Amino acid sequence: MGFIERLLFKEITDEDLYKYTYGMMSESIHGSWNESLDWCLQKNEDLTFSVYPFSHEADVRFICPTIKFCNEPYRLWLKRIECEDENMTNVLDWIEKVNTRIFMIFDQKYDGPNG
C-alpha cells in the first residue's frame, strides 16, 4: 500500500474503501502466490520453484474477448499513426471473422440447449 496509490485511489473514490479493496484489486492485476502456484510455477525436488508457463491450454473464454477488445483499438491506432494498409485491414478482418466463429462454436457447444 504505497503513498502514491492511496492518493490516486482517493481521487477516484472514498479513501476509506482503499484498505478493503486494495488486496482484491491488486490480485486481479498482479496475481497472487496461490495463482502462481496453480498456474505458473512447478515445485522442484530441492524445494525451489521453476517457471512452468505452458502447463495449461489457452481458454477460449479469455482469448476471444481479448481479441475482440484489442482489434478495434489497434485499428484506431493504425489510423492515428497513418499506417492503415489494405493488407493489415484484411488480416484484422480475418482475425475478427475467425474469432467470432470460434466463439459461436464454443457458445453453441457449452451454452446451447445441450450445454
PDB file of N, CA and C in Angstrom:
ATOM      1  N   MET A   1       0.832  -1.170   0.000  1.00  0.00           N
ATOM      2  CA  MET A   1       0.000   0.000   0.000  1.00  0.00           C
ATOM      3  C   MET A   1       0.881   1.238   0.000  1.00  0.00           C
ATOM      4  N   GLY A   2       1.200   1.691  -1.163  1.00  0.00           N
ATOM      5  CA  GLY A   2       2.064   2.839  -1.292  1.00  0.00           C
ATOM      6  C   GLY A   2       1.316   4.158  -1.159  1.00  0.00           C
ATOM      7  N   PHE A   3       2.058   5.174  -0.832  1.00  0.00           N
ATOM      8  CA  PHE A   3       1.504   6.507  -0.653  1.00  0.00           C
ATOM      9  C   PHE A   3       0.860   7.017  -1.949  1.00  0.00           C
ATOM     10  N   ILE A   4       1.553   6.836  -3.064  1.00  0.00           N
ATOM     11  CA  ILE A   4       1.040   7.308  -4.352  1.00  0.00           C
ATOM     12  C   ILE A   4      -0.259   6.591  -4.710  1.00  0.00           C
ATOM     13  N   GLU A   5      -0.298   5.258  -4.480  1.00  0.00           N
ATOM     14  CA  GLU A   5      -1.508   4.508  -4.782  1.00  0.00           C
ATOM     15  C   GLU A   5      -2.690   5.022  -3.973  1.00  0.00           C
ATOM     16  N   ARG A   6      -2.452   5.348  -2.699  1.00  0.00           N
ATOM     17  CA  ARG A   6      -3.523   5.890  -1.852  1.00  0.00           C
ATOM     18  C   ARG A   6      -4.027   7.231  -2.398  1.00  0.00           C
ATOM     19  N   LEU A   7      -3.098   8.083  -2.819  1.00  0.00           N
ATOM     20  CA  LEU A   7      -3.509   9.381  -3.364  1.00  0.00           C
ATOM     21  C   LEU A   7      -4.346   9.205  -4.629  1.00  0.00           C
ATOM     22  N   LEU A   8      -3.907   8.312  -5.505  1.00  0.00           N
ATOM     23  CA  LEU A   8      -4.664   8.062  -6.731  1.00  0.00           C
ATOM     24  C   LEU A   8      -6.036   7.488  -6.413  1.00  0.00           C
ATOM     25  N   PHE A   9      -6.085   6.560  -5.490  1.00  0.00           N
ATOM     26  CA  PHE A   9      -7.353   5.949  -5.094  1.00  0.00           C
ATOM     27  C   PHE A   9      -8.302   7.011  -4.547  1.00  0.00           C
ATOM     28  N   LYS A  10      -7.768   7.923  -3.729  1.00  0.00           N
ATOM     29  CA  LYS A  10      -8.565   8.994  -3.131  1.00  0.00           C
ATOM     30  C   LYS A  10      -9.188   9.895  -4.199  1.00  0.00           C
ATOM     31  N   GLU A  11      -8.492  10.072  -5.317  1.00  0.00           N
ATOM     32  CA  GLU A  11      -9.017  10.896  -6.408  1.00  0.00           C
ATOM     33  C   GLU A  11     -10.241  10.261  -7.068  1.00  0.00           C
ATOM     34  N   ILE A  12     -10.327   8.944  -6.993  1.00  0.00           N
ATOM     35  CA  ILE A  12     -11.383   8.220  -7.700  1.00  0.00           C
ATOM     36  C   ILE A  12     -12.592   7.951  -6.827  1.00  0.00           C
ATOM     37  N   THR A  13     -12.359   7.557  -5.582  1.00  0.00           N
ATOM     38  CA  THR A  13     -13.471   7.148  -4.724  1.00  0.00           C
ATOM     39  C   THR A  13     -13.134   7.399  -3.266  1.00  0.00           C
ATOM     40  N   ASP A  14     -13.961   6.934  -2.370  1.00  0.00           N
ATOM     41  CA  ASP A  14     -13.802   7.115  -0.933  1.00  0.00           C
ATOM     42  C   ASP A  14     -12.508   6.477  -0.442  1.00  0.00           C
ATOM     43  N   GLU A  15     -11.659   7.270   0.163  1.00  0.00           N
ATOM     44  CA  GLU A  15     -10.355   6.801   0.621  1.00  0.00           C
ATOM     45  C   GLU A  15     -10.474   5.650   1.622  1.00  0.00           C
ATOM     46  N   ASP A  16     -11.549   5.620   2.413  1.00  0.00           N
ATOM     47  CA  ASP A  16     -11.727   4.569   3.411  1.00  0.00           C
ATOM     48  C   ASP A  16     -11.902   3.187   2.775  1.00  0.00           C
ATOM     49  N   LEU A  17     -12.325   3.130   1.526  1.00  0.00           N
ATOM     50  CA  LEU A  17     -12.502   1.842   0.855  1.00  0.00           C
ATOM     51  C   LEU A  17     -11.172   1.215   0.452  1.00  0.00           C
ATOM     52  N   TYR A  18     -10.114   2.002   0.456  1.00  0.00           N
ATOM     53  CA  TYR A  18      -8.806   1.535  -0.013  1.00  0.00           C
ATOM     54  C   TYR A  18      -8.348   0.270   0.705  1.00  0.00           C
ATOM     55  N   LYS A  19      -8.400   0.291   2.030  1.00  0.00           N
ATOM     56  CA  LYS A  19      -7.887  -0.848   2.790  1.00  0.00           C
ATOM     57  C   LYS A  19      -8.717  -2.103   2.579  1.00  0.00           C
ATOM     58  N   TYR A  20      -9.982  -1.959   2.187  1.00  0.00           N
ATOM     59  CA  TYR A  20     -10.832  -3.123   1.968  1.00  0.00           C
ATOM     60  C   TYR A  20     -10.726  -3.681   0.550  1.00  0.00           C
ATOM     61  N   THR A  21     -10.425  -2.815  -0.397  1.00  0.00           N
ATOM     62  CA  THR A  21     -10.426  -3.246  -1.793  1.00  0.00           C
ATOM     63  C   THR A  21      -9.038  -3.438  -2.382  1.00  0.00           C
ATOM     64  N   TYR A  22      -8.023  -2.903  -1.745  1.00  0.00           N
ATOM     65  CA  TYR A  22      -6.676  -2.938  -2.312  1.00  0.00           C
ATOM     66  C   TYR A  22      -6.227  -4.355  -2.638  1.00  0.00           C
ATOM     67  N   GLY A  23      -6.391  -5.279  -1.710  1.00  0.00           N
ATOM     68  CA  GLY A  23      -5.945  -6.654  -1.931  1.00  0.00           C
ATOM     69  C   GLY A  23      -6.635  -7.299  -3.112  1.00  0.00           C
ATOM     70  N   MET A  24      -7.951  -7.130  -3.213  1.00  0.00           N
ATOM     71  CA  MET A  24      -8.694  -7.737  -4.328  1.00  0.00           C
ATOM     72  C   MET A  24      -8.266  -7.133  -5.653  1.00  0.00           C
ATOM     73  N   MET A  25      -8.154  -5.824  -5.697  1.00  0.00           N
ATOM     74  CA  MET A  25      -7.770  -5.174  -6.950  1.00  0.00           C
ATOM     75  C   MET A  25      -6.341  -5.526  -7.327  1.00  0.00           C
ATOM     76  N   SER A  26      -5.469  -5.536  -6.344  1.00  0.00           N
ATOM     77  CA  SER A  26      -4.072  -5.858  -6.612  1.00  0.00           C
ATOM     78  C   SER A  26      -3.942  -7.274  -7.145  1.00  0.00           C
ATOM     79  N   GLU A  27      -4.668  -8.213  -6.558  1.00  0.00           N
ATOM     80  CA  GLU A  27      -4.579  -9.599  -7.019  1.00  0.00           C
ATOM     81  C   GLU A  27      -5.114  -9.738  -8.439  1.00  0.00           C
ATOM     82  N   SER A  28      -6.179  -9.016  -8.767  1.00  0.00           N
ATOM     83  CA  SER A  28      -6.727  -9.136 -10.119  1.00  0.00           C
ATOM     84  C   SER A  28      -5.769  -8.587 -11.170  1.00  0.00           C
ATOM     85  N   ILE A  29      -4.920  -7.646 -10.779  1.00  0.00           N
ATOM     86  CA  ILE A  29      -3.963  -7.063 -11.711  1.00  0.00           C
ATOM     87  C   ILE A  29      -2.643  -7.839 -11.697  1.00  0.00           C
ATOM     88  N   HIS A  30      -2.130  -8.110 -10.523  1.00  0.00           N
ATOM     89  CA  HIS A  30      -0.793  -8.676 -10.390  1.00  0.00           C
ATOM     90  C   HIS A  30      -0.756 -10.174 -10.137  1.00  0.00           C
ATOM     91  N   GLY A  31      -1.895 -10.764  -9.819  1.00  0.00           N
ATOM     92  CA  GLY A  31      -1.909 -12.172  -9.457  1.00  0.00           C
ATOM     93  C   GLY A  31      -1.571 -12.340  -7.982  1.00  0.00           C
ATOM     94  N   SER A  32      -1.379 -13.576  -7.560  1.00  0.00           N
ATOM     95  CA  SER A  32      -1.076 -13.854  -6.166  1.00  0.00           C
ATOM     96  C   SER A  32      -0.175 -15.072  -6.084  1.00  0.00           C
ATOM     97  N   TRP A  33       0.269 -15.364  -4.886  1.00  0.00           N
ATOM     98  CA  TRP A  33       1.109 -16.539  -4.688  1.00  0.00           C
ATOM     99  C   TRP A  33       0.326 -17.805  -5.049  1.00  0.00           C
ATOM    100  N   ASN A  34      -0.939 -17.884  -4.653  1.00  0.00           N
ATOM    101  CA  ASN A  34      -1.753 -19.062  -4.988  1.00  0.00           C
ATOM    102  C   ASN A  34      -1.915 -19.211  -6.495  1.00  0.00           C
ATOM    103  N   GLU A  35      -2.167 -18.116  -7.181  1.00  0.00           N
ATOM    104  CA  GLU A  35      -2.291 -18.182  -8.637  1.00  0.00           C
ATOM    105  C   GLU A  35      -0.979 -18.653  -9.259  1.00  0.00           C
ATOM    106  N   SER A  36       0.130 -18.145  -8.752  1.00  0.00           N
ATOM    107  CA  SER A  36       1.436 -18.561  -9.273  1.00  0.00           C
ATOM    108  C   SER A  36       1.654 -20.053  -9.077  1.00  0.00           C
ATOM    109  N   LEU A  37       1.300 -20.550  -7.888  1.00  0.00           N
ATOM    110  CA  LEU A  37       1.481 -21.982  -7.617  1.00  0.00           C
ATOM    111  C   LEU A  37       0.565 -22.831  -8.489  1.00  0.00           C
ATOM    112  N   ASP A  38      -0.655 -22.355  -8.727  1.00  0.00           N
ATOM    113  CA  ASP A  38      -1.622 -23.131  -9.519  1.00  0.00           C
ATOM    114  C   ASP A  38      -1.324 -23.109 -11.010  1.00  0.00           C
ATOM    115  N   TRP A  39      -0.810 -21.987 -11.520  1.00  0.00           N
ATOM    116  CA  TRP A  39      -0.746 -21.812 -12.966  1.00  0.00           C
ATOM    117  C   TRP A  39       0.645 -21.568 -13.535  1.00  0.00           C
ATOM    118  N   CYS A  40       1.592 -21.081 -12.742  1.00  0.00           N
ATOM    119  CA  CYS A  40       2.833 -20.575 -13.327  1.00  0.00           C
ATOM    120  C   CYS A  40       4.112 -21.244 -12.841  1.00  0.00           C
ATOM    121  N   LEU A  41       4.050 -21.946 -11.721  1.00  0.00           N
ATOM    122  CA  LEU A  41       5.279 -22.492 -11.150  1.00  0.00           C
ATOM    123  C   LEU A  41       5.162 -23.995 -10.935  1.00  0.00           C
ATOM    124  N   GLN A  42       6.313 -24.634 -10.919  1.00  0.00           N
ATOM    125  CA  GLN A  42       6.357 -26.033 -10.508  1.00  0.00           C
ATOM    126  C   GLN A  42       7.394 -26.147  -9.397  1.00  0.00           C
ATOM    127  N   LYS A  43       7.075 -26.980  -8.421  1.00  0.00           N
ATOM    128  CA  LYS A  43       7.986 -27.148  -7.298  1.00  0.00           C
ATOM    129  C   LYS A  43       9.025 -28.197  -7.655  1.00  0.00           C
ATOM    130  N   ASN A  44      10.273 -27.866  -7.429  1.00  0.00           N
ATOM    131  CA  ASN A  44      11.374 -28.778  -7.703  1.00  0.00           C
ATOM    132  C   ASN A  44      11.643 -29.665  -6.490  1.00  0.00           C
ATOM    133  N   GLU A  45      12.396 -30.733  -6.711  1.00  0.00           N
ATOM    134  CA  GLU A  45      12.723 -31.656  -5.627  1.00  0.00           C
ATOM    135  C   GLU A  45      13.506 -30.991  -4.502  1.00  0.00           C
ATOM    136  N   ASP A  46      14.282 -29.948  -4.841  1.00  0.00           N
ATOM    137  CA  ASP A  46      15.073 -29.254  -3.815  1.00  0.00           C
ATOM    138  C   ASP A  46      14.279 -28.140  -3.127  1.00  0.00           C
ATOM    139  N   LEU A  47      12.951 -28.161  -3.328  1.00  0.00           N
ATOM    140  CA  LEU A  47      12.002 -27.218  -2.723  1.00  0.00           C
ATOM    141  C   LEU A  47      12.077 -25.806  -3.289  1.00  0.00           C
ATOM    142  N   THR A  48      12.806 -25.603  -4.381  1.00  0.00           N
ATOM    143  CA  THR A  48      12.775 -24.337  -5.097  1.00  0.00           C
ATOM    144  C   THR A  48      11.670 -24.436  -6.145  1.00  0.00           C
ATOM    145  N   PHE A  49      11.414 -23.340  -6.846  1.00  0.00           N
ATOM    146  CA  PHE A  49      10.383 -23.315  -7.873  1.00  0.00           C
ATOM    147  C   PHE A  49      10.981 -22.926  -9.211  1.00  0.00           C
ATOM    148  N   SER A  50      10.422 -23.460 -10.262  1.00  0.00           N
ATOM    149  CA  SER A  50      10.814 -23.099 -11.625  1.00  0.00           C
ATOM    150  C   SER A  50       9.583 -22.619 -12.378  1.00  0.00           C
ATOM    151  N   VAL A  51       9.821 -21.763 -13.354  1.00  0.00           N
ATOM    152  CA  VAL A  51       8.732 -21.280 -14.194  1.00  0.00           C
ATOM    153  C   VAL A  51       8.152 -22.444 -14.985  1.00  0.00           C
ATOM    154  N   TYR A  52       6.841 -22.504 -15.048  1.00  0.00           N
ATOM    155  CA  TYR A  52       6.153 -23.550 -15.793  1.00  0.00           C
ATOM    156  C   TYR A  52       5.002 -22.903 -16.579  1.00  0.00           C
ATOM    157  N   PRO A  53       5.318 -22.111 -17.617  1.00  0.00           N
ATOM    158  CA  PRO A  53       4.294 -21.302 -18.287  1.00  0.00           C
ATOM    159  C   PRO A  53       3.408 -22.063 -19.262  1.00  0.00           C
ATOM    160  N   PHE A  54       3.729 -23.298 -19.600  1.00  0.00           N
ATOM    161  CA  PHE A  54       2.976 -23.986 -20.640  1.00  0.00           C
ATOM    162  C   PHE A  54       2.119 -25.120 -20.104  1.00  0.00           C
ATOM    163  N   SER A  55       1.734 -25.039 -18.847  1.00  0.00           N
ATOM    164  CA  SER A  55       1.019 -26.150 -18.234  1.00  0.00           C
ATOM    165  C   SER A  55      -0.459 -26.199 -18.609  1.00  0.00           C
ATOM    166  N   HIS A  56      -1.006 -25.130 -19.139  1.00  0.00           N
ATOM    167  CA  HIS A  56      -2.437 -25.076 -19.412  1.00  0.00           C
ATOM    168  C   HIS A  56      -2.683 -24.545 -20.819  1.00  0.00           C
ATOM    169  N   GLU A  57      -3.655 -25.128 -21.461  1.00  0.00           N
ATOM    170  CA  GLU A  57      -4.026 -24.647 -22.797  1.00  0.00           C
ATOM    171  C   GLU A  57      -4.727 -23.294 -22.681  1.00  0.00           C
ATOM    172  N   ALA A  58      -4.705 -22.537 -23.741  1.00  0.00           N
ATOM    173  CA  ALA A  58      -5.415 -21.259 -23.766  1.00  0.00           C
ATOM    174  C   ALA A  58      -6.909 -21.517 -23.649  1.00  0.00           C
ATOM    175  N   ASP A  59      -7.576 -20.667 -22.912  1.00  0.00           N
ATOM    176  CA  ASP A  59      -9.012 -20.800 -22.689  1.00  0.00           C
ATOM    177  C   ASP A  59      -9.756 -19.829 -23.609  1.00  0.00           C
ATOM    178  N   VAL A  60     -10.635 -20.370 -24.421  1.00  0.00           N
ATOM    179  CA  VAL A  60     -11.366 -19.555 -25.392  1.00  0.00           C
ATOM    180  C   VAL A  60     -12.158 -18.444 -24.694  1.00  0.00           C
ATOM    181  N   ARG A  61     -12.565 -18.674 -23.460  1.00  0.00           N
ATOM    182  CA  ARG A  61     -13.337 -17.660 -22.729  1.00  0.00           C
ATOM    183  C   ARG A  61     -12.491 -16.445 -22.398  1.00  0.00           C
ATOM    184  N   PHE A  62     -11.188 -16.595 -22.419  1.00  0.00           N
ATOM    185  CA  PHE A  62     -10.286 -15.468 -22.196  1.00  0.00           C
ATOM    186  C   PHE A  62      -9.790 -14.889 -23.515  1.00  0.00           C
ATOM    187  N   ILE A  63      -9.429 -15.759 -24.433  1.00  0.00           N
ATOM    188  CA  ILE A  63      -8.814 -15.328 -25.685  1.00  0.00           C
ATOM    189  C   ILE A  63      -9.788 -14.567 -26.577  1.00  0.00           C
ATOM    190  N   CYS A  64     -10.987 -15.105 -26.798  1.00  0.00           N
ATOM    191  CA  CYS A  64     -11.935 -14.453 -27.718  1.00  0.00           C
ATOM    192  C   CYS A  64     -12.303 -13.033 -27.293  1.00  0.00           C
ATOM    193  N   PRO A  65     -12.668 -12.791 -26.039  1.00  0.00           N
ATOM    194  CA  PRO A  65     -12.958 -11.404 -25.652  1.00  0.00           C
ATOM    195  C   PRO A  65     -11.736 -10.497 -25.748  1.00  0.00           C
ATOM    196  N   THR A  66     -10.569 -11.040 -25.426  1.00  0.00           N
ATOM    197  CA  THR A  66      -9.351 -10.232 -25.516  1.00  0.00           C
ATOM    198  C   THR A  66      -9.125  -9.765 -26.945  1.00  0.00           C
ATOM    199  N   ILE A  67      -9.264 -10.685 -27.885  1.00  0.00           N
ATOM    200  CA  ILE A  67      -9.098 -10.311 -29.293  1.00  0.00           C
ATOM    201  C   ILE A  67     -10.154  -9.287 -29.696  1.00  0.00           C
ATOM    202  N   LYS A  68     -11.383  -9.523 -29.274  1.00  0.00           N
ATOM    203  CA  LYS A  68     -12.467  -8.594 -29.630  1.00  0.00           C
ATOM    204  C   LYS A  68     -12.184  -7.188 -29.121  1.00  0.00           C
ATOM    205  N   PHE A  69     -11.680  -7.089 -27.899  1.00  0.00           N
ATOM    206  CA  PHE A  69     -11.433  -5.772 -27.321  1.00  0.00           C
ATOM    207  C   PHE A  69     -10.116  -5.153 -27.765  1.00  0.00           C
ATOM    208  N   CYS A  70      -9.252  -5.914 -28.395  1.00  0.00           N
ATOM    209  CA  CYS A  70      -7.953  -5.387 -28.834  1.00  0.00           C
ATOM    210  C   CYS A  70      -7.943  -4.955 -30.297  1.00  0.00           C
ATOM    211  N   ASN A  71      -8.689  -5.633 -31.138  1.00  0.00           N
ATOM    212  CA  ASN A  71      -8.619  -5.338 -32.566  1.00  0.00           C
ATOM    213  C   ASN A  71      -9.060  -3.918 -32.910  1.00  0.00           C
ATOM    214  N   GLU A  72     -10.164  -3.474 -32.346  1.00  0.00           N
ATOM    215  CA  GLU A  72     -10.658  -2.137 -32.688  1.00  0.00           C
ATOM    216  C   GLU A  72      -9.692  -1.044 -32.250  1.00  0.00           C
ATOM    217  N   PRO A  73      -9.168  -1.071 -31.013  1.00  0.00           N
ATOM    218  CA  PRO A  73      -8.166  -0.061 -30.656  1.00  0.00           C
ATOM    219  C   PRO A  73      -6.925  -0.125 -31.547  1.00  0.00           C
ATOM    220  N   TYR A  74      -6.549  -1.334 -31.963  1.00  0.00           N
ATOM    221  CA  TYR A  74      -5.391  -1.468 -32.843  1.00  0.00           C
ATOM    222  C   TYR A  74      -5.673  -0.802 -34.190  1.00  0.00           C
ATOM    223  N   ARG A  75      -6.869  -1.009 -34.706  1.00  0.00           N
ATOM    224  CA  ARG A  75      -7.251  -0.348 -35.964  1.00  0.00           C
ATOM    225  C   ARG A  75      -7.187   1.172 -35.817  1.00  0.00           C
ATOM    226  N   LEU A  76      -7.719   1.673 -34.712  1.00  0.00           N
ATOM    227  CA  LEU A  76      -7.705   3.117 -34.478  1.00  0.00           C
ATOM    228  C   LEU A  76      -6.283   3.647 -34.346  1.00  0.00           C
ATOM    229  N   TRP A  77      -5.418   2.871 -33.697  1.00  0.00           N
ATOM    230  CA  TRP A  77      -4.020   3.274 -33.561  1.00  0.00           C
ATOM    231  C   TRP A  77      -3.344   3.326 -34.931  1.00  0.00           C
ATOM    232  N   LEU A  78      -3.583   2.318 -35.770  1.00  0.00           N
ATOM    233  CA  LEU A  78      -3.010   2.322 -37.117  1.00  0.00           C
ATOM    234  C   LEU A  78      -3.460   3.561 -37.892  1.00  0.00           C
ATOM    235  N   LYS A  79      -4.726   3.910 -37.727  1.00  0.00           N
ATOM    236  CA  LYS A  79      -5.245   5.102 -38.399  1.00  0.00           C
ATOM    237  C   LYS A  79      -4.560   6.359 -37.855  1.00  0.00           C
ATOM    238  N   ARG A  80      -4.418   6.422 -36.554  1.00  0.00           N
ATOM    239  CA  ARG A  80      -3.812   7.589 -35.915  1.00  0.00           C
ATOM    240  C   ARG A  80      -2.375   7.816 -36.368  1.00  0.00           C
ATOM    241  N   ILE A  81      -1.617   6.731 -36.501  1.00  0.00           N
ATOM    242  CA  ILE A  81      -0.214   6.884 -36.901  1.00  0.00           C
ATOM    243  C   ILE A  81      -0.044   6.814 -38.422  1.00  0.00           C
ATOM    244  N   GLU A  82      -1.183   6.823 -39.116  1.00  0.00           N
ATOM    245  CA  GLU A  82      -1.221   6.837 -40.584  1.00  0.00           C
ATOM    246  C   GLU A  82      -0.502   5.628 -41.186  1.00  0.00           C
ATOM    247  N   CYS A  83      -0.802   4.462 -40.622  1.00  0.00           N
ATOM    248  CA  CYS A  83      -0.215   3.211 -41.129  1.00  0.00           C
ATOM    249  C   CYS A  83      -1.285   2.233 -41.597  1.00  0.00           C
ATOM    250  N   GLU A  84      -2.466   2.758 -41.875  1.00  0.00           N
ATOM    251  CA  GLU A  84      -3.509   1.871 -42.393  1.00  0.00           C
ATOM    252  C   GLU A  84      -3.041   1.291 -43.721  1.00  0.00           C
ATOM    253  N   ASP A  85      -3.337   0.050 -43.901  1.00  0.00           N
ATOM    254  CA  ASP A  85      -2.872  -0.650 -45.078  1.00  0.00           C
ATOM    255  C   ASP A  85      -3.937  -1.688 -45.421  1.00  0.00           C
ATOM    256  N   GLU A  86      -4.195  -1.890 -46.701  1.00  0.00           N
ATOM    257  CA  GLU A  86      -5.223  -2.839 -47.109  1.00  0.00           C
ATOM    258  C   GLU A  86      -4.920  -4.245 -46.610  1.00  0.00           C
ATOM    259  N   ASN A  87      -3.665  -4.646 -46.687  1.00  0.00           N
ATOM    260  CA  ASN A  87      -3.299  -5.984 -46.210  1.00  0.00           C
ATOM    261  C   ASN A  87      -3.540  -6.123 -44.710  1.00  0.00           C
ATOM    262  N   MET A  88      -3.163  -5.110 -43.932  1.00  0.00           N
ATOM    263  CA  MET A  88      -3.375  -5.162 -42.488  1.00  0.00           C
ATOM    264  C   MET A  88      -4.871  -5.180 -42.173  1.00  0.00           C
ATOM    265  N   THR A  89      -5.633  -4.390 -42.881  1.00  0.00           N
ATOM    266  CA  THR A  89      -7.079  -4.382 -42.686  1.00  0.00           C
ATOM    267  C   THR A  89      -7.664  -5.758 -42.986  1.00  0.00           C
ATOM    268  N   ASN A  90      -7.209  -6.384 -44.052  1.00  0.00           N
ATOM    269  CA  ASN A  90      -7.690  -7.723 -44.402  1.00  0.00           C
ATOM    270  C   ASN A  90      -7.331  -8.751 -43.325  1.00  0.00           C
ATOM    271  N   VAL A  91      -6.133  -8.638 -42.782  1.00  0.00           N
ATOM    272  CA  VAL A  91      -5.714  -9.561 -41.717  1.00  0.00           C
ATOM    273  C   VAL A  91      -6.589  -9.370 -40.482  1.00  0.00           C
ATOM    274  N   LEU A  92      -6.813  -8.117 -40.087  1.00  0.00           N
ATOM    275  CA  LEU A  92      -7.657  -7.862 -38.922  1.00  0.00           C
ATOM    276  C   LEU A  92      -9.094  -8.313 -39.152  1.00  0.00           C
ATOM    277  N   ASP A  93      -9.597  -8.119 -40.369  1.00  0.00           N
ATOM    278  CA  ASP A  93     -10.940  -8.611 -40.697  1.00  0.00           C
ATOM    279  C   ASP A  93     -11.001 -10.131 -40.569  1.00  0.00           C
ATOM    280  N   TRP A  94      -9.964 -10.818 -41.071  1.00  0.00           N
ATOM    281  CA  TRP A  94      -9.917 -12.272 -40.987  1.00  0.00           C
ATOM    282  C   TRP A  94      -9.855 -12.741 -39.534  1.00  0.00           C
ATOM    283  N   ILE A  95      -9.025 -12.076 -38.723  1.00  0.00           N
ATOM    284  CA  ILE A  95      -8.922 -12.425 -37.301  1.00  0.00           C
ATOM    285  C   ILE A  95     -10.280 -12.288 -36.627  1.00  0.00           C
ATOM    286  N   GLU A  96     -10.982 -11.207 -36.907  1.00  0.00           N
ATOM    287  CA  GLU A  96     -12.291 -10.998 -36.303  1.00  0.00           C
ATOM    288  C   GLU A  96     -13.292 -12.060 -36.754  1.00  0.00           C
ATOM    289  N   LYS A  97     -13.245 -12.417 -38.025  1.00  0.00           N
ATOM    290  CA  LYS A  97     -14.154 -13.431 -38.546  1.00  0.00           C
ATOM    291  C   LYS A  97     -13.889 -14.786 -37.876  1.00  0.00           C
ATOM    292  N   VAL A  98     -12.634 -15.181 -37.805  1.00  0.00           N
ATOM    293  CA  VAL A  98     -12.284 -16.463 -37.183  1.00  0.00           C
ATOM    294  C   VAL A  98     -12.609 -16.431 -35.687  1.00  0.00           C
ATOM    295  N   ASN A  99     -12.289 -15.341 -35.034  1.00  0.00           N
ATOM    296  CA  ASN A  99     -12.568 -15.206 -33.609  1.00  0.00           C
ATOM    297  C   ASN A  99     -14.067 -15.319 -33.329  1.00  0.00           C
ATOM    298  N   THR A 100     -14.873 -14.667 -34.130  1.00  0.00           N
ATOM    299  CA  THR A 100     -16.326 -14.744 -33.963  1.00  0.00           C
ATOM    300  C   THR A 100     -16.820 -16.159 -34.163  1.00  0.00           C
ATOM    301  N   ARG A 101     -16.301 -16.819 -35.177  1.00  0.00           N
ATOM    302  CA  ARG A 101     -16.720 -18.204 -35.458  1.00  0.00           C
ATOM    303  C   ARG A 101     -16.324 -19.140 -34.316  1.00  0.00           C
ATOM    304  N   ILE A 102     -15.114 -18.996 -33.807  1.00  0.00           N
ATOM    305  CA  ILE A 102     -14.663 -19.827 -32.681  1.00  0.00           C
ATOM    306  C   ILE A 102     -15.574 -19.608 -31.481  1.00  0.00           C
ATOM    307  N   PHE A 103     -15.883 -18.354 -31.186  1.00  0.00           N
ATOM    308  CA  PHE A 103     -16.733 -18.071 -30.032  1.00  0.00           C
ATOM    309  C   PHE A 103     -18.132 -18.634 -30.239  1.00  0.00           C
ATOM    310  N   MET A 104     -18.672 -18.519 -31.437  1.00  0.00           N
ATOM    311  CA  MET A 104     -20.009 -19.054 -31.712  1.00  0.00           C
ATOM    312  C   MET A 104     -20.033 -20.566 -31.516  1.00  0.00           C
ATOM    313  N   ILE A 105     -19.016 -21.255 -32.003  1.00  0.00           N
ATOM    314  CA  ILE A 105     -18.942 -22.715 -31.834  1.00  0.00           C
ATOM    315  C   ILE A 105     -18.852 -23.063 -30.352  1.00  0.00           C
ATOM    316  N   PHE A 106     -18.000 -22.357 -29.624  1.00  0.00           N
ATOM    317  CA  PHE A 106     -17.880 -22.595 -28.189  1.00  0.00           C
ATOM    318  C   PHE A 106     -19.216 -22.358 -27.499  1.00  0.00           C
ATOM    319  N   ASP A 107     -19.872 -21.253 -27.831  1.00  0.00           N
ATOM    320  CA  ASP A 107     -21.151 -20.904 -27.217  1.00  0.00           C
ATOM    321  C   ASP A 107     -22.207 -21.970 -27.487  1.00  0.00           C
ATOM    322  N   GLN A 108     -22.273 -22.443 -28.723  1.00  0.00           N
ATOM    323  CA  GLN A 108     -23.248 -23.498 -29.071  1.00  0.00           C
ATOM    324  C   GLN A 108     -22.926 -24.785 -28.326  1.00  0.00           C
ATOM    325  N   LYS A 109     -21.674 -25.115 -28.218  1.00  0.00           N
ATOM    326  CA  LYS A 109     -21.277 -26.370 -27.592  1.00  0.00           C
ATOM    327  C   LYS A 109     -21.526 -26.372 -26.087  1.00  0.00           C
ATOM    328  N   TYR A 110     -21.210 -25.262 -25.416  1.00  0.00           N
ATOM    329  CA  TYR A 110     -21.274 -25.237 -23.963  1.00  0.00           C
ATOM    330  C   TYR A 110     -22.446 -24.466 -23.380  1.00  0.00           C
ATOM    331  N   ASP A 111     -23.020 -23.540 -24.118  1.00  0.00           N
ATOM    332  CA  ASP A 111     -24.134 -22.769 -23.591  1.00  0.00           C
ATOM    333  C   ASP A 111     -25.439 -23.030 -24.317  1.00  0.00           C
ATOM    334  N   GLY A 112     -25.381 -23.884 -25.318  1.00  0.00           N
ATOM    335  CA  GLY A 112     -26.575 -24.194 -26.099  1.00  0.00           C
ATOM    336  C   GLY A 112     -27.517 -25.099 -25.332  1.00  0.00           C
ATOM    337  N   PRO A 113     -28.527 -25.642 -25.996  1.00  0.00           N
ATOM    338  CA  PRO A 113     -29.545 -26.465 -25.331  1.00  0.00           C
ATOM    339  C   PRO A 113     -28.970 -27.722 -24.675  1.00  0.00           C
ATOM    340  N   ASN A 114     -27.848 -28.217 -25.171  1.00  0.00           N
ATOM    341  CA  ASN A 114     -27.264 -29.425 -24.586  1.00  0.00           C
ATOM    342  C   ASN A 114     -26.063 -29.120 -23.696  1.00  0.00           C
ATOM    343  N   GLY A 115     -25.708 -27.820 -23.543  1.00  0.00           N
ATOM    344  CA  GLY A 115     -24.501 -27.441 -22.812  1.00  0.00           C
ATOM    345  C   GLY A 115     -24.627 -27.423 -21.336  1.00  0.00           C
TER     346      GLY A 115
END
